[in-house]
C-alpha atoms as a PDB file:
ATOM      1  CA  UNK A   1    -123.269-177.285 -96.304  1.00  0.00           C
ATOM      2  CA  UNK A   2    -122.652-173.917 -96.027  1.00  0.00           C
ATOM      3  CA  UNK A   3    -124.025-170.531 -97.320  1.00  0.00           C
ATOM      4  CA  UNK A   4    -121.952-167.938 -98.322  1.00  0.00           C
ATOM      5  CA  UNK A   5    -123.014-164.023 -97.952  1.00  0.00           C
ATOM      6  CA  UNK A   6    -120.719-161.872 -98.948  1.00  0.00           C
ATOM      7  CA  UNK A   7    -119.867-158.608 -96.269  1.00  0.00           C
ATOM      8  CA  UNK A   8    -122.299-160.211 -93.446  1.00  0.00           C
ATOM      9  CA  UNK A   9    -121.360-162.520 -90.439  1.00  0.00           C
ATOM     10  CA  UNK A  10    -124.621-163.986 -89.341  1.00  0.00           C
ATOM     11  CA  UNK A  11    -124.414-166.181 -86.038  1.00  0.00           C
ATOM     12  CA  UNK A  12    -126.813-169.212 -85.236  1.00  0.00           C
ATOM     13  CA  UNK A  13    -128.306-170.053 -82.254  1.00  0.00           C
ATOM     14  CA  UNK A  14    -129.398-173.095 -80.783  1.00  0.00           C
ATOM     15  CA  UNK A  15    -131.896-173.771 -77.939  1.00  0.00           C
ATOM     16  CA  UNK A  16    -128.431-174.752 -76.034  1.00  0.00           C
ATOM     17  CA  UNK A  17    -127.477-171.220 -76.660  1.00  0.00           C
ATOM     18  CA  UNK A  18    -124.098-172.623 -78.319  1.00  0.00           C
ATOM     19  CA  UNK A  19    -122.393-170.786 -80.959  1.00  0.00           C
ATOM     20  CA  UNK A  20    -121.407-172.943 -84.161  1.00  0.00           C
ATOM     21  CA  UNK A  21    -117.935-172.379 -85.055  1.00  0.00           C
ATOM     22  CA  UNK A  22    -117.048-169.835 -87.314  1.00  0.00           C
ATOM     23  CA  UNK A  23    -113.905-169.554 -88.558  1.00  0.00           C
ATOM     24  CA  UNK A  24    -114.643-167.252 -91.933  1.00  0.00           C
ATOM     25  CA  UNK A  25    -116.886-164.125 -91.009  1.00  0.00           C
ATOM     26  CA  UNK A  26    -118.367-164.617 -94.511  1.00  0.00           C
ATOM     27  CA  UNK A  27    -119.413-168.356 -94.307  1.00  0.00           C
ATOM     28  CA  UNK A  28    -121.887-169.892 -91.983  1.00  0.00           C
ATOM     29  CA  UNK A  29    -122.118-173.421 -91.429  1.00  0.00           C
ATOM     30  CA  UNK A  30    -125.108-175.153 -91.081  1.00  0.00           C
ATOM     31  CA  UNK A  31    -125.707-178.832 -90.705  1.00  0.00           C
ATOM     32  CA  UNK A  32    -127.258-180.699 -93.617  1.00  0.00           C
ATOM     33  CA  UNK A  33    -130.085-182.000 -91.418  1.00  0.00           C
ATOM     34  CA  UNK A  34    -131.584-178.762 -91.509  1.00  0.00           C
ATOM     35  CA  UNK A  35    -133.327-177.136 -94.887  1.00  0.00           C
ATOM     36  CA  UNK A  36    -134.512-173.877 -94.869  1.00  0.00           C
ATOM     37  CA  UNK A  37    -134.740-171.214 -97.543  1.00  0.00           C
ATOM     38  CA  UNK A  38    -132.843-168.073 -97.095  1.00  0.00           C
ATOM     39  CA  UNK A  39    -134.453-165.188 -98.407  1.00  0.00           C
ATOM     40  CA  UNK A  40    -132.181-162.312-100.007  1.00  0.00           C
ATOM     41  CA  UNK A  41    -130.471-161.073 -97.286  1.00  0.00           C
ATOM     42  CA  UNK A  42    -127.605-158.899 -98.491  1.00  0.00           C
ATOM     43  CA  UNK A  43    -130.332-155.355 -98.660  1.00  0.00           C
ATOM     44  CA  UNK A  44    -131.971-156.893 -95.108  1.00  0.00           C
ATOM     45  CA  UNK A  45    -130.649-155.044 -92.082  1.00  0.00           C
ATOM     46  CA  UNK A  46    -132.192-157.575 -89.595  1.00  0.00           C
ATOM     47  CA  UNK A  47    -133.169-160.995 -90.803  1.00  0.00           C
ATOM     48  CA  UNK A  48    -135.208-163.115 -88.198  1.00  0.00           C
ATOM     49  CA  UNK A  49    -136.283-166.920 -89.610  1.00  0.00           C
ATOM     50  CA  UNK A  50    -137.660-169.491 -86.783  1.00  0.00           C
ATOM     51  CA  UNK A  51    -137.851-173.238 -88.329  1.00  0.00           C
ATOM     52  CA  UNK A  52    -139.057-175.310 -85.061  1.00  0.00           C
ATOM     53  CA  UNK A  53    -136.056-174.844 -82.386  1.00  0.00           C
ATOM     54  CA  UNK A  54    -134.170-172.707 -84.511  1.00  0.00           C
ATOM     55  CA  UNK A  55    -133.571-169.321 -84.223  1.00  0.00           C
ATOM     56  CA  UNK A  56    -131.588-167.310 -86.556  1.00  0.00           C
ATOM     57  CA  UNK A  57    -130.478-163.966 -86.167  1.00  0.00           C
ATOM     58  CA  UNK A  58    -128.517-161.582 -88.569  1.00  0.00           C
ATOM     59  CA  UNK A  59    -126.832-158.010 -87.053  1.00  0.00           C
ATOM     60  CA  UNK A  60    -124.753-155.827 -88.592  1.00  0.00           C
ATOM     61  CA  UNK A  61    -122.975-152.541 -88.016  1.00  0.00           C
ATOM     62  CA  UNK A  62    -125.267-149.045 -89.177  1.00  0.00           C
ATOM     63  CA  UNK A  63    -123.961-145.407 -89.223  1.00  0.00           C
ATOM     64  CA  UNK A  64    -124.818-143.031 -86.372  1.00  0.00           C
ATOM     65  CA  UNK A  65    -124.309-139.330 -86.274  1.00  0.00           C
ATOM     66  CA  UNK A  66    -123.451-137.736 -82.585  1.00  0.00           C
ATOM     67  CA  UNK A  67    -126.005-135.593 -81.816  1.00  0.00           C
ATOM     68  CA  UNK A  68    -124.093-134.491 -78.804  1.00  0.00           C
ATOM     69  CA  UNK A  69    -121.146-135.827 -76.609  1.00  0.00           C
ATOM     70  CA  UNK A  70    -121.395-134.419 -72.906  1.00  0.00           C
ATOM     71  CA  UNK A  71    -118.733-134.940 -70.127  1.00  0.00           C
ATOM     72  CA  UNK A  72    -120.457-135.456 -66.995  1.00  0.00           C
ATOM     73  CA  UNK A  73    -118.137-135.759 -63.963  1.00  0.00           C
ATOM     74  CA  UNK A  74    -114.613-136.134 -64.319  1.00  0.00           C
ATOM     75  CA  UNK A  75    -115.117-139.581 -65.889  1.00  0.00           C
ATOM     76  CA  UNK A  76    -118.034-140.404 -67.682  1.00  0.00           C
ATOM     77  CA  UNK A  77    -119.355-139.133 -71.024  1.00  0.00           C
ATOM     78  CA  UNK A  78    -123.445-138.887 -72.226  1.00  0.00           C
ATOM     79  CA  UNK A  79    -123.542-139.760 -75.840  1.00  0.00           C
ATOM     80  CA  UNK A  80    -126.456-138.972 -77.690  1.00  0.00           C
ATOM     81  CA  UNK A  81    -127.248-141.010 -81.157  1.00  0.00           C
ATOM     82  CA  UNK A  82    -128.840-140.031 -84.446  1.00  0.00           C
ATOM     83  CA  UNK A  83    -129.284-143.495 -86.189  1.00  0.00           C
ATOM     84  CA  UNK A  84    -129.304-144.029 -89.892  1.00  0.00           C
ATOM     85  CA  UNK A  85    -131.832-146.402 -89.292  1.00  0.00           C
ATOM     86  CA  UNK A  86    -133.989-147.075 -86.679  1.00  0.00           C
ATOM     87  CA  UNK A  87    -133.474-149.808 -84.309  1.00  0.00           C
ATOM     88  CA  UNK A  88    -136.135-150.747 -82.249  1.00  0.00           C
ATOM     89  CA  UNK A  89    -135.202-151.892 -78.335  1.00  0.00           C
ATOM     90  CA  UNK A  90    -136.474-152.746 -75.431  1.00  0.00           C
ATOM     91  CA  UNK A  91    -135.670-151.145 -72.265  1.00  0.00           C
ATOM     92  CA  UNK A  92    -132.344-152.931 -70.620  1.00  0.00           C
ATOM     93  CA  UNK A  93    -130.738-153.867 -73.850  1.00  0.00           C
ATOM     94  CA  UNK A  94    -126.956-153.060 -74.761  1.00  0.00           C
ATOM     95  CA  UNK A  95    -125.419-152.411 -77.950  1.00  0.00           C
ATOM     96  CA  UNK A  96    -122.000-152.717 -79.899  1.00  0.00           C
ATOM     97  CA  UNK A  97    -120.736-149.340 -80.144  1.00  0.00           C
ATOM     98  CA  UNK A  98    -117.569-149.342 -82.821  1.00  0.00           C
ATOM     99  CA  UNK A  99    -114.877-146.540 -83.418  1.00  0.00           C
ATOM    100  CA  UNK A 100    -111.863-146.698 -85.759  1.00  0.00           C
ATOM    101  CA  UNK A 101    -108.200-145.939 -83.881  1.00  0.00           C
ATOM    102  CA  UNK A 102    -104.970-143.869 -85.529  1.00  0.00           C
ATOM    103  CA  UNK A 103    -103.591-147.451 -87.099  1.00  0.00           C
ATOM    104  CA  UNK A 104    -106.972-148.084 -89.001  1.00  0.00           C
ATOM    105  CA  UNK A 105    -108.049-150.663 -86.507  1.00  0.00           C
ATOM    106  CA  UNK A 106    -111.704-151.157 -85.142  1.00  0.00           C
ATOM    107  CA  UNK A 107    -112.169-150.818 -81.188  1.00  0.00           C
ATOM    108  CA  UNK A 108    -115.680-152.348 -80.093  1.00  0.00           C
ATOM    109  CA  UNK A 109    -117.307-152.057 -76.480  1.00  0.00           C
ATOM    110  CA  UNK A 110    -120.844-152.711 -75.792  1.00  0.00           C
ATOM    111  CA  UNK A 111    -122.810-150.134 -73.633  1.00  0.00           C
ATOM    112  CA  UNK A 112    -126.220-150.322 -72.215  1.00  0.00           C
ATOM    113  CA  UNK A 113    -129.057-148.064 -73.862  1.00  0.00           C
ATOM    114  CA  UNK A 114    -129.536-145.404 -71.228  1.00  0.00           C
ATOM    115  CA  UNK A 115    -132.924-144.005 -73.029  1.00  0.00           C
ATOM    116  CA  UNK A 116    -135.955-146.002 -74.097  1.00  0.00           C
ATOM    117  CA  UNK A 117    -136.976-144.632 -77.675  1.00  0.00           C
ATOM    118  CA  UNK A 118    -138.549-146.365 -80.707  1.00  0.00           C
ATOM    119  CA  UNK A 119    -135.231-146.735 -82.301  1.00  0.00           C
ATOM    120  CA  UNK A 120    -134.827-143.382 -83.665  1.00  0.00           C
ATOM    121  CA  UNK A 121    -132.037-142.215 -80.932  1.00  0.00           C
ATOM    122  CA  UNK A 122    -129.731-143.927 -78.672  1.00  0.00           C
ATOM    123  CA  UNK A 123    -128.313-142.340 -74.975  1.00  0.00           C
ATOM    124  CA  UNK A 124    -125.172-144.210 -73.362  1.00  0.00           C
ATOM    125  CA  UNK A 125    -123.571-143.173 -70.274  1.00  0.00           C
ATOM    126  CA  UNK A 126    -119.822-144.044 -70.898  1.00  0.00           C
ATOM    127  CA  UNK A 127    -117.096-144.204 -68.051  1.00  0.00           C
ATOM    128  CA  UNK A 128    -113.768-143.090 -69.355  1.00  0.00           C
ATOM    129  CA  UNK A 129    -111.396-144.875 -68.491  1.00  0.00           C
ATOM    130  CA  UNK A 130    -107.841-142.915 -68.015  1.00  0.00           C
ATOM    131  CA  UNK A 131    -106.038-145.598 -70.593  1.00  0.00           C
ATOM    132  CA  UNK A 132    -108.658-147.283 -72.462  1.00  0.00           C
ATOM    133  CA  UNK A 133    -108.287-147.047 -75.840  1.00  0.00           C
ATOM    134  CA  UNK A 134    -112.513-146.960 -76.672  1.00  0.00           C
ATOM    135  CA  UNK A 135    -112.561-143.905 -74.034  1.00  0.00           C
ATOM    136  CA  UNK A 136    -109.951-142.182 -75.592  1.00  0.00           C
ATOM    137  CA  UNK A 137    -111.884-142.657 -78.954  1.00  0.00           C
ATOM    138  CA  UNK A 138    -115.068-141.220 -77.404  1.00  0.00           C
ATOM    139  CA  UNK A 139    -113.205-137.945 -75.902  1.00  0.00           C
ATOM    140  CA  UNK A 140    -112.539-136.993 -79.422  1.00  0.00           C
ATOM    141  CA  UNK A 141    -116.020-137.488 -80.461  1.00  0.00           C
ATOM    142  CA  UNK A 142    -118.046-134.045 -81.335  1.00  0.00           C
ATOM    143  CA  UNK A 143    -121.092-133.148 -83.106  1.00  0.00           C
ATOM    144  CA  UNK A 144    -121.924-134.770 -86.144  1.00  0.00           C
ATOM    145  CA  UNK A 145    -119.285-137.241 -85.859  1.00  0.00           C
ATOM    146  CA  UNK A 146    -119.790-140.578 -86.969  1.00  0.00           C
ATOM    147  CA  UNK A 147    -119.870-144.153 -85.488  1.00  0.00           C
ATOM    148  CA  UNK A 148    -120.950-147.651 -85.908  1.00  0.00           C
ATOM    149  CA  UNK A 149    -123.522-149.119 -83.858  1.00  0.00           C
ATOM    150  CA  UNK A 150    -124.818-152.542 -83.602  1.00  0.00           C
ATOM    151  CA  UNK A 151    -127.147-154.382 -81.797  1.00  0.00           C
ATOM    152  CA  UNK A 152    -129.741-154.382 -80.112  1.00  0.00           C
ATOM    153  CA  UNK A 153    -128.207-157.483 -77.306  1.00  0.00           C
ATOM    154  CA  UNK A 154    -129.816-159.292 -74.100  1.00  0.00           C
ATOM    155  CA  UNK A 155    -132.113-158.994 -71.746  1.00  0.00           C
ATOM    156  CA  UNK A 156    -132.941-157.051 -68.901  1.00  0.00           C
ATOM    157  CA  UNK A 157    -136.009-155.455 -66.799  1.00  0.00           C
ATOM    158  CA  UNK A 158    -139.360-156.678 -68.625  1.00  0.00           C
ATOM    159  CA  UNK A 159    -137.737-159.021 -71.046  1.00  0.00           C
ATOM    160  CA  UNK A 160    -136.106-161.502 -68.266  1.00  0.00           C
ATOM    161  CA  UNK A 161    -139.415-160.848 -65.546  1.00  0.00           C
ATOM    162  CA  UNK A 162    -141.711-163.828 -65.818  1.00  0.00           C
ATOM    163  CA  UNK A 163    -144.638-161.980 -64.072  1.00  0.00           C
ATOM    164  CA  UNK A 164    -144.735-158.357 -64.107  1.00  0.00           C
ATOM    165  CA  UNK A 165    -144.538-156.953 -60.400  1.00  0.00           C
ATOM    166  CA  UNK A 166    -146.068-153.639 -58.823  1.00  0.00           C
ATOM    167  CA  UNK A 167    -142.756-152.620 -57.111  1.00  0.00           C
ATOM    168  CA  UNK A 168    -139.529-152.902 -58.291  1.00  0.00           C
ATOM    169  CA  UNK A 169    -135.951-151.665 -56.180  1.00  0.00           C
ATOM    170  CA  UNK A 170    -133.139-150.974 -58.898  1.00  0.00           C
ATOM    171  CA  UNK A 171    -130.001-150.467 -56.786  1.00  0.00           C
ATOM    172  CA  UNK A 172    -126.645-149.260 -59.096  1.00  0.00           C
ATOM    173  CA  UNK A 173    -123.515-147.125 -59.042  1.00  0.00           C
ATOM    174  CA  UNK A 174    -122.083-145.151 -61.627  1.00  0.00           C
ATOM    175  CA  UNK A 175    -122.646-145.479 -65.419  1.00  0.00           C
ATOM    176  CA  UNK A 176    -124.675-148.669 -64.195  1.00  0.00           C
ATOM    177  CA  UNK A 177    -127.533-146.701 -63.902  1.00  0.00           C
ATOM    178  CA  UNK A 178    -127.814-146.432 -67.582  1.00  0.00           C
ATOM    179  CA  UNK A 179    -130.249-149.966 -68.153  1.00  0.00           C
ATOM    180  CA  UNK A 180    -132.453-148.353 -65.123  1.00  0.00           C
ATOM    181  CA  UNK A 181    -132.648-145.061 -66.709  1.00  0.00           C
ATOM    182  CA  UNK A 182    -133.858-147.027 -69.916  1.00  0.00           C
ATOM    183  CA  UNK A 183    -136.666-148.914 -67.887  1.00  0.00           C
ATOM    184  CA  UNK A 184    -137.346-146.604 -65.860  1.00  0.00           C
ATOM    185  CA  UNK A 185    -138.607-144.358 -69.208  1.00  0.00           C
ATOM    186  CA  UNK A 186    -140.113-147.660 -70.913  1.00  0.00           C
ATOM    187  CA  UNK A 187    -142.384-148.118 -67.332  1.00  0.00           C
ATOM    188  CA  UNK A 188    -143.591-144.539 -67.427  1.00  0.00           C
ATOM    189  CA  UNK A 189    -144.132-144.518 -71.655  1.00  0.00           C
ATOM    190  CA  UNK A 190    -146.094-147.706 -70.950  1.00  0.00           C
ATOM    191  CA  UNK A 191    -148.283-146.324 -68.328  1.00  0.00           C
ATOM    192  CA  UNK A 192    -149.579-143.282 -70.213  1.00  0.00           C
END
């Protein structure tokens, strides 16, 4: 049994965290043994339905506008984005960013959020690789340019801890500081 949903690709995650094969991004294979109702998700930005141990999430790209693209040092860019719709996230989660190259092909990469907010804006620290396809596109972004964002994904920080310790030591290098910066901002925000 399959359900056709135009223009949306929805990964289905089972408790084993294995993905079902999905050759056609517009079709979701659903085992006949599972019965549940699907809401009209073509108008929904994010949809979550839990049936027993089945977790069903949908992400799609949203349009974001560049607030600033500041070069820090010689190989790092600090991107600030304003989102068309809020994407609530937790500290340490990452997002997929997507841009079109000159050939019209999409280039996408994942980046950890470097801030903590209610989801109205995002910040990223991006290491600019000398011959990187995405790096070249990010270098060319200016204020008010558009970029596609999808997420949030992953667990880090408070989401990955079973208990809340009183002290935490964070060690990183380079742009690896991004999720730590987000984690620290969240910790300060939750204290006040």
